[in-house]
Amino acid sequence: MLDELGVCLGLAKALVKKDKKIKGIIESIQKDLFMVAGEIVCQAKFIKQLKKRINQKKVENLDKISGGLEKSGKFNSKSFSLPGKNFTSAVFDLARVAARRAEREIVTFKRKKALKNNYILVYLNRLSDLLYLLARKYEVSSK
C-alpha cells in the first residue's frame, strides 16, 4: 500500500520536474512514507528507538502546503471534478486514491492495536487532501 503510494508520487514527481517547489514537496512526502513504513513494521518494544517518526509538525506542514494552494486562488477546489483532464492531474488523483487506501489499511492496524502513532492516520488523511488539491492545480495549469 505505501509502496504503491510512493510509486504514484514518483510518477507525479517525474511529470512536474520543472516545478522545483512541488517536486521538493513530493520528495519530502516520499521520505515521510519511508518513516511510516518503518514504524508500521517495527515491533512495539523498539518504537522509541526510531530516530524519525511522523509527528504533529509533519501534519502541520501538509496543512500549511494545502493552505497555500487553496489561497493561491488558481483553481476552484470546491467544485466536482472528474479525474483525467490531463495526465499530470490524473496521476495526482491516482496517488490520492492510493493514500486513501493506505489510510484505510492503517485503520485496520489501529483496530488491532498494532498502531502506536495516531499521527500516521492524520498524516495520510491530510496527504490525500493535498493530493486532491495538486490534481486540481494541474488541471488548471494545463489549460
N, C-alpha and C. Protein backbone atom coordinates (compact mmCIF):
# COMPACT_ATOMS: atom_id res chain seq x y z
N MET A 1 0.81 -1.20 0.00
CA MET A 1 0.00 0.00 0.00
C MET A 1 0.86 1.26 0.00
N LEU A 2 1.82 1.35 0.89
CA LEU A 2 2.69 2.52 0.93
C LEU A 2 3.64 2.54 -0.25
N ASP A 3 4.07 1.35 -0.69
CA ASP A 3 4.92 1.28 -1.87
C ASP A 3 4.19 1.83 -3.10
N GLU A 4 2.94 1.43 -3.25
CA GLU A 4 2.13 1.90 -4.37
C GLU A 4 1.98 3.43 -4.33
N LEU A 5 1.73 3.96 -3.16
CA LEU A 5 1.61 5.41 -3.00
C LEU A 5 2.93 6.09 -3.36
N GLY A 6 4.03 5.54 -2.90
CA GLY A 6 5.33 6.11 -3.21
C GLY A 6 5.63 6.11 -4.70
N VAL A 7 5.24 5.04 -5.38
CA VAL A 7 5.46 4.95 -6.83
C VAL A 7 4.58 5.96 -7.57
N CYS A 8 3.33 6.10 -7.15
CA CYS A 8 2.45 7.11 -7.77
C CYS A 8 3.05 8.50 -7.59
N LEU A 9 3.58 8.76 -6.41
CA LEU A 9 4.21 10.06 -6.16
C LEU A 9 5.47 10.23 -7.02
N GLY A 10 6.20 9.14 -7.22
CA GLY A 10 7.38 9.20 -8.09
C GLY A 10 7.00 9.55 -9.51
N LEU A 11 5.92 8.99 -9.99
CA LEU A 11 5.45 9.32 -11.33
C LEU A 11 5.03 10.79 -11.40
N ALA A 12 4.31 11.25 -10.39
CA ALA A 12 3.91 12.66 -10.35
C ALA A 12 5.14 13.56 -10.33
N LYS A 13 6.14 13.16 -9.55
CA LYS A 13 7.38 13.95 -9.46
C LYS A 13 8.07 14.04 -10.82
N ALA A 14 8.07 12.96 -11.55
CA ALA A 14 8.68 12.96 -12.89
C ALA A 14 7.91 13.88 -13.84
N LEU A 15 6.61 13.98 -13.64
CA LEU A 15 5.79 14.81 -14.52
C LEU A 15 5.90 16.29 -14.21
N VAL A 16 6.22 16.64 -12.97
CA VAL A 16 6.30 18.06 -12.58
C VAL A 16 7.74 18.51 -12.40
N LYS A 17 8.66 17.85 -13.07
CA LYS A 17 10.09 18.09 -12.83
C LYS A 17 10.50 19.55 -13.00
N LYS A 18 9.76 20.33 -13.79
CA LYS A 18 10.09 21.74 -13.98
C LYS A 18 9.63 22.60 -12.81
N ASP A 19 8.69 22.10 -12.02
CA ASP A 19 8.20 22.83 -10.85
C ASP A 19 8.98 22.34 -9.63
N LYS A 20 10.10 22.98 -9.38
CA LYS A 20 11.03 22.53 -8.34
C LYS A 20 10.39 22.53 -6.94
N LYS A 21 9.49 23.47 -6.69
CA LYS A 21 8.85 23.53 -5.38
C LYS A 21 7.98 22.29 -5.15
N ILE A 22 7.13 21.97 -6.11
CA ILE A 22 6.26 20.80 -5.97
C ILE A 22 7.09 19.52 -5.96
N LYS A 23 8.11 19.47 -6.79
CA LYS A 23 9.00 18.30 -6.81
C LYS A 23 9.62 18.08 -5.42
N GLY A 24 10.05 19.16 -4.78
CA GLY A 24 10.63 19.07 -3.44
C GLY A 24 9.62 18.59 -2.41
N ILE A 25 8.39 19.09 -2.53
CA ILE A 25 7.32 18.65 -1.62
C ILE A 25 7.08 17.15 -1.77
N ILE A 26 7.02 16.69 -3.02
CA ILE A 26 6.79 15.27 -3.26
C ILE A 26 7.93 14.43 -2.69
N GLU A 27 9.16 14.85 -2.90
CA GLU A 27 10.31 14.09 -2.36
C GLU A 27 10.24 14.02 -0.84
N SER A 28 9.87 15.12 -0.21
CA SER A 28 9.74 15.13 1.25
C SER A 28 8.67 14.13 1.71
N ILE A 29 7.56 14.10 1.00
CA ILE A 29 6.48 13.17 1.33
C ILE A 29 6.95 11.73 1.14
N GLN A 30 7.68 11.47 0.06
CA GLN A 30 8.18 10.12 -0.17
C GLN A 30 9.08 9.67 0.98
N LYS A 31 9.91 10.57 1.49
CA LYS A 31 10.76 10.25 2.64
C LYS A 31 9.91 9.98 3.88
N ASP A 32 8.87 10.80 4.06
CA ASP A 32 7.97 10.57 5.19
C ASP A 32 7.32 9.19 5.12
N LEU A 33 6.97 8.77 3.92
CA LEU A 33 6.34 7.46 3.76
C LEU A 33 7.28 6.32 4.15
N PHE A 34 8.60 6.52 3.96
CA PHE A 34 9.56 5.52 4.43
C PHE A 34 9.52 5.45 5.95
N MET A 35 9.37 6.63 6.60
CA MET A 35 9.26 6.64 8.06
C MET A 35 8.00 5.89 8.50
N VAL A 36 6.90 6.13 7.82
CA VAL A 36 5.64 5.45 8.15
C VAL A 36 5.82 3.95 8.01
N ALA A 37 6.38 3.52 6.91
CA ALA A 37 6.58 2.08 6.68
C ALA A 37 7.46 1.48 7.76
N GLY A 38 8.53 2.18 8.10
CA GLY A 38 9.43 1.69 9.14
C GLY A 38 8.74 1.55 10.48
N GLU A 39 7.91 2.50 10.79
CA GLU A 39 7.21 2.47 12.06
C GLU A 39 6.16 1.36 12.10
N ILE A 40 5.52 1.13 10.99
CA ILE A 40 4.48 0.09 10.94
C ILE A 40 5.08 -1.30 11.15
N VAL A 41 6.24 -1.54 10.58
CA VAL A 41 6.84 -2.87 10.70
C VAL A 41 7.67 -3.05 11.97
N CYS A 42 7.91 -1.95 12.67
CA CYS A 42 8.73 -2.01 13.88
C CYS A 42 7.95 -2.64 15.03
N GLN A 43 8.60 -3.51 15.76
CA GLN A 43 7.97 -4.09 16.94
C GLN A 43 7.78 -3.00 17.99
N ALA A 44 6.69 -3.09 18.72
CA ALA A 44 6.32 -2.06 19.70
C ALA A 44 7.45 -1.76 20.69
N LYS A 45 8.19 -2.78 21.10
CA LYS A 45 9.24 -2.55 22.10
C LYS A 45 10.43 -1.75 21.55
N PHE A 46 10.51 -1.61 20.22
CA PHE A 46 11.62 -0.86 19.62
C PHE A 46 11.20 0.49 19.04
N ILE A 47 9.91 0.81 19.12
CA ILE A 47 9.39 2.05 18.52
C ILE A 47 10.16 3.29 18.99
N LYS A 48 10.43 3.37 20.26
CA LYS A 48 11.09 4.56 20.81
C LYS A 48 12.53 4.71 20.32
N GLN A 49 13.08 3.68 19.74
CA GLN A 49 14.43 3.75 19.21
C GLN A 49 14.49 4.37 17.81
N LEU A 50 13.33 4.51 17.17
CA LEU A 50 13.31 5.12 15.85
C LEU A 50 13.71 6.59 15.97
N LYS A 51 14.64 7.01 15.12
CA LYS A 51 15.13 8.39 15.19
C LYS A 51 14.14 9.39 14.61
N LYS A 52 13.40 8.97 13.59
CA LYS A 52 12.44 9.87 12.96
C LYS A 52 11.09 9.19 12.92
N ARG A 53 10.06 9.97 13.26
CA ARG A 53 8.69 9.46 13.24
C ARG A 53 7.77 10.56 12.73
N ILE A 54 6.63 10.14 12.23
CA ILE A 54 5.62 11.10 11.84
C ILE A 54 5.09 11.74 13.12
N ASN A 55 5.01 13.08 13.11
CA ASN A 55 4.58 13.80 14.29
C ASN A 55 3.67 14.96 13.90
N GLN A 56 3.28 15.73 14.88
CA GLN A 56 2.37 16.85 14.64
C GLN A 56 2.99 17.86 13.66
N LYS A 57 4.27 18.07 13.74
CA LYS A 57 4.94 19.02 12.85
C LYS A 57 4.80 18.58 11.38
N LYS A 58 4.91 17.29 11.12
CA LYS A 58 4.75 16.77 9.76
C LYS A 58 3.33 17.01 9.25
N VAL A 59 2.35 16.81 10.12
CA VAL A 59 0.95 17.03 9.76
C VAL A 59 0.73 18.52 9.49
N GLU A 60 1.25 19.36 10.36
CA GLU A 60 1.10 20.81 10.18
C GLU A 60 1.75 21.29 8.89
N ASN A 61 2.84 20.67 8.51
CA ASN A 61 3.50 21.03 7.26
C ASN A 61 2.58 20.75 6.06
N LEU A 62 1.94 19.60 6.06
CA LEU A 62 0.98 19.29 4.99
C LEU A 62 -0.17 20.29 4.97
N ASP A 63 -0.65 20.65 6.17
CA ASP A 63 -1.73 21.63 6.26
C ASP A 63 -1.29 22.98 5.69
N LYS A 64 -0.07 23.36 5.99
CA LYS A 64 0.47 24.64 5.50
C LYS A 64 0.56 24.64 3.97
N ILE A 65 1.04 23.56 3.41
CA ILE A 65 1.15 23.45 1.95
C ILE A 65 -0.24 23.50 1.31
N SER A 66 -1.18 22.75 1.88
CA SER A 66 -2.55 22.75 1.36
C SER A 66 -3.17 24.13 1.47
N GLY A 67 -2.97 24.79 2.59
CA GLY A 67 -3.50 26.14 2.77
C GLY A 67 -2.94 27.11 1.75
N GLY A 68 -1.66 26.98 1.45
CA GLY A 68 -1.05 27.83 0.43
C GLY A 68 -1.65 27.59 -0.95
N LEU A 69 -1.90 26.35 -1.26
CA LEU A 69 -2.53 26.03 -2.55
C LEU A 69 -3.95 26.60 -2.62
N GLU A 70 -4.69 26.45 -1.54
CA GLU A 70 -6.06 26.96 -1.52
C GLU A 70 -6.09 28.49 -1.64
N LYS A 71 -5.16 29.16 -0.98
CA LYS A 71 -5.11 30.62 -1.01
C LYS A 71 -4.63 31.16 -2.35
N SER A 72 -3.95 30.33 -3.13
CA SER A 72 -3.43 30.80 -4.42
C SER A 72 -4.55 31.23 -5.35
N GLY A 73 -5.74 30.66 -5.14
CA GLY A 73 -6.91 31.05 -5.93
C GLY A 73 -6.82 30.70 -7.40
N LYS A 74 -5.91 29.83 -7.78
CA LYS A 74 -5.73 29.47 -9.19
C LYS A 74 -6.66 28.36 -9.65
N PHE A 75 -7.50 27.89 -8.76
CA PHE A 75 -8.42 26.82 -9.11
C PHE A 75 -9.57 26.82 -8.13
N ASN A 76 -10.63 26.16 -8.49
CA ASN A 76 -11.77 26.03 -7.61
C ASN A 76 -11.78 24.62 -7.04
N SER A 77 -11.37 24.48 -5.81
CA SER A 77 -11.31 23.15 -5.18
C SER A 77 -12.65 22.71 -4.63
N LYS A 78 -13.67 23.56 -4.71
CA LYS A 78 -14.97 23.22 -4.14
C LYS A 78 -15.91 22.59 -5.16
N SER A 79 -15.59 22.67 -6.43
CA SER A 79 -16.47 22.09 -7.44
C SER A 79 -16.07 20.65 -7.72
N PHE A 80 -17.03 19.88 -8.17
CA PHE A 80 -16.79 18.48 -8.51
C PHE A 80 -15.94 18.41 -9.77
N SER A 81 -15.00 17.51 -9.79
CA SER A 81 -14.11 17.39 -10.94
C SER A 81 -13.90 15.92 -11.26
N LEU A 82 -14.08 15.58 -12.51
CA LEU A 82 -13.80 14.21 -12.96
C LEU A 82 -12.31 14.06 -13.23
N PRO A 83 -11.69 13.02 -12.71
CA PRO A 83 -10.26 12.81 -12.97
C PRO A 83 -10.00 12.59 -14.47
N GLY A 84 -8.84 13.01 -14.91
CA GLY A 84 -8.42 12.72 -16.27
C GLY A 84 -8.43 13.89 -17.23
N LYS A 85 -8.49 15.11 -16.69
CA LYS A 85 -8.44 16.26 -17.60
C LYS A 85 -7.09 16.34 -18.30
N ASN A 86 -6.07 15.84 -17.64
CA ASN A 86 -4.75 15.69 -18.26
C ASN A 86 -3.99 14.63 -17.48
N PHE A 87 -2.87 14.22 -18.01
CA PHE A 87 -2.13 13.10 -17.42
C PHE A 87 -1.60 13.44 -16.03
N THR A 88 -1.07 14.64 -15.86
CA THR A 88 -0.49 15.01 -14.56
C THR A 88 -1.55 15.03 -13.47
N SER A 89 -2.69 15.67 -13.74
CA SER A 89 -3.73 15.72 -12.71
C SER A 89 -4.26 14.31 -12.42
N ALA A 90 -4.35 13.47 -13.45
CA ALA A 90 -4.82 12.10 -13.26
C ALA A 90 -3.86 11.30 -12.37
N VAL A 91 -2.57 11.54 -12.51
CA VAL A 91 -1.59 10.84 -11.67
C VAL A 91 -1.72 11.30 -10.22
N PHE A 92 -1.94 12.60 -10.00
CA PHE A 92 -2.16 13.06 -8.62
C PHE A 92 -3.44 12.46 -8.05
N ASP A 93 -4.48 12.32 -8.87
CA ASP A 93 -5.70 11.66 -8.40
C ASP A 93 -5.44 10.20 -8.07
N LEU A 94 -4.65 9.53 -8.87
CA LEU A 94 -4.29 8.14 -8.60
C LEU A 94 -3.51 8.03 -7.28
N ALA A 95 -2.60 8.96 -7.05
CA ALA A 95 -1.86 8.98 -5.78
C ALA A 95 -2.81 9.22 -4.61
N ARG A 96 -3.79 10.08 -4.81
CA ARG A 96 -4.78 10.35 -3.76
C ARG A 96 -5.55 9.08 -3.41
N VAL A 97 -5.94 8.33 -4.41
CA VAL A 97 -6.65 7.06 -4.17
C VAL A 97 -5.75 6.09 -3.39
N ALA A 98 -4.48 6.05 -3.76
CA ALA A 98 -3.54 5.17 -3.05
C ALA A 98 -3.37 5.62 -1.60
N ALA A 99 -3.37 6.93 -1.36
CA ALA A 99 -3.26 7.45 0.01
C ALA A 99 -4.50 7.07 0.82
N ARG A 100 -5.67 7.16 0.21
CA ARG A 100 -6.90 6.78 0.91
C ARG A 100 -6.90 5.28 1.24
N ARG A 101 -6.42 4.48 0.31
CA ARG A 101 -6.35 3.03 0.55
C ARG A 101 -5.38 2.74 1.70
N ALA A 102 -4.24 3.41 1.69
CA ALA A 102 -3.27 3.23 2.77
C ALA A 102 -3.88 3.64 4.10
N GLU A 103 -4.62 4.73 4.08
CA GLU A 103 -5.27 5.20 5.31
C GLU A 103 -6.23 4.14 5.85
N ARG A 104 -7.02 3.55 4.97
CA ARG A 104 -7.97 2.50 5.41
C ARG A 104 -7.23 1.29 5.98
N GLU A 105 -6.12 0.93 5.36
CA GLU A 105 -5.36 -0.22 5.86
C GLU A 105 -4.72 0.08 7.21
N ILE A 106 -4.29 1.32 7.40
CA ILE A 106 -3.71 1.71 8.69
C ILE A 106 -4.78 1.69 9.78
N VAL A 107 -6.02 2.02 9.44
CA VAL A 107 -7.12 1.93 10.40
C VAL A 107 -7.24 0.49 10.91
N THR A 108 -7.04 -0.46 10.02
CA THR A 108 -7.08 -1.87 10.42
C THR A 108 -5.98 -2.17 11.44
N PHE A 109 -4.77 -1.63 11.21
CA PHE A 109 -3.69 -1.82 12.18
C PHE A 109 -4.09 -1.21 13.53
N LYS A 110 -4.71 -0.05 13.48
CA LYS A 110 -5.11 0.61 14.72
C LYS A 110 -6.14 -0.23 15.47
N ARG A 111 -7.10 -0.78 14.75
CA ARG A 111 -8.14 -1.60 15.39
C ARG A 111 -7.53 -2.83 16.06
N LYS A 112 -6.45 -3.33 15.48
CA LYS A 112 -5.76 -4.50 16.05
C LYS A 112 -4.76 -4.09 17.13
N LYS A 113 -4.77 -2.79 17.45
CA LYS A 113 -3.86 -2.22 18.45
C LYS A 113 -2.39 -2.37 18.06
N ALA A 114 -2.14 -2.43 16.76
CA ALA A 114 -0.77 -2.56 16.27
C ALA A 114 -0.19 -1.20 15.87
N LEU A 115 -1.00 -0.15 15.92
CA LEU A 115 -0.54 1.19 15.56
C LEU A 115 -0.41 2.00 16.84
N LYS A 116 0.77 2.49 17.09
CA LYS A 116 1.01 3.26 18.31
C LYS A 116 1.05 4.76 18.05
N ASN A 117 1.18 5.17 16.80
CA ASN A 117 1.33 6.58 16.47
C ASN A 117 0.11 7.05 15.69
N ASN A 118 -0.78 7.75 16.36
CA ASN A 118 -2.01 8.22 15.72
C ASN A 118 -1.75 9.30 14.67
N TYR A 119 -0.60 9.93 14.71
CA TYR A 119 -0.28 10.95 13.71
C TYR A 119 -0.17 10.35 12.31
N ILE A 120 0.11 9.06 12.22
CA ILE A 120 0.21 8.42 10.91
C ILE A 120 -1.13 8.50 10.18
N LEU A 121 -2.21 8.21 10.87
CA LEU A 121 -3.54 8.28 10.25
C LEU A 121 -3.87 9.72 9.84
N VAL A 122 -3.59 10.66 10.70
CA VAL A 122 -3.86 12.06 10.39
C VAL A 122 -3.01 12.50 9.20
N TYR A 123 -1.76 12.09 9.19
CA TYR A 123 -0.85 12.45 8.10
C TYR A 123 -1.38 11.93 6.76
N LEU A 124 -1.78 10.68 6.71
CA LEU A 124 -2.28 10.11 5.46
C LEU A 124 -3.58 10.79 5.01
N ASN A 125 -4.41 11.15 5.98
CA ASN A 125 -5.65 11.86 5.65
C ASN A 125 -5.33 13.23 5.04
N ARG A 126 -4.43 13.97 5.66
CA ARG A 126 -4.05 15.29 5.14
C ARG A 126 -3.32 15.16 3.80
N LEU A 127 -2.56 14.08 3.65
CA LEU A 127 -1.85 13.86 2.39
C LEU A 127 -2.85 13.67 1.25
N SER A 128 -3.89 12.91 1.48
CA SER A 128 -4.87 12.71 0.41
C SER A 128 -5.55 14.03 0.06
N ASP A 129 -5.79 14.89 1.06
CA ASP A 129 -6.35 16.22 0.77
C ASP A 129 -5.39 17.04 -0.09
N LEU A 130 -4.12 17.01 0.26
CA LEU A 130 -3.11 17.74 -0.52
C LEU A 130 -3.03 17.22 -1.94
N LEU A 131 -3.08 15.92 -2.11
CA LEU A 131 -3.01 15.34 -3.46
C LEU A 131 -4.22 15.73 -4.29
N TYR A 132 -5.37 15.84 -3.66
CA TYR A 132 -6.57 16.32 -4.36
C TYR A 132 -6.32 17.75 -4.87
N LEU A 133 -5.79 18.60 -4.01
CA LEU A 133 -5.53 19.99 -4.40
C LEU A 133 -4.49 20.07 -5.52
N LEU A 134 -3.48 19.23 -5.45
CA LEU A 134 -2.46 19.22 -6.51
C LEU A 134 -3.06 18.77 -7.84
N ALA A 135 -3.95 17.81 -7.79
CA ALA A 135 -4.62 17.37 -9.03
C ALA A 135 -5.41 18.52 -9.63
N ARG A 136 -6.12 19.25 -8.78
CA ARG A 136 -6.90 20.38 -9.29
C ARG A 136 -5.98 21.49 -9.82
N LYS A 137 -4.87 21.70 -9.15
CA LYS A 137 -3.90 22.71 -9.61
C LYS A 137 -3.40 22.37 -11.01
N TYR A 138 -3.08 21.12 -11.24
CA TYR A 138 -2.52 20.73 -12.54
C TYR A 138 -3.59 20.60 -13.62
N GLU A 139 -4.85 20.54 -13.23
CA GLU A 139 -5.92 20.64 -14.23
C GLU A 139 -5.91 22.04 -14.84
N VAL A 140 -5.81 23.02 -13.98
CA VAL A 140 -5.85 24.43 -14.40
C VAL A 140 -4.60 24.82 -15.15
N SER A 141 -3.45 24.37 -14.66
CA SER A 141 -2.19 24.81 -15.28
C SER A 141 -1.96 24.19 -16.64
N SER A 142 -2.79 23.24 -17.05
CA SER A 142 -2.62 22.66 -18.38
C SER A 142 -3.46 23.36 -19.44
N LYS A 143 -4.35 24.27 -19.00
CA LYS A 143 -5.24 24.95 -19.96
C LYS A 143 -4.51 25.96 -20.80
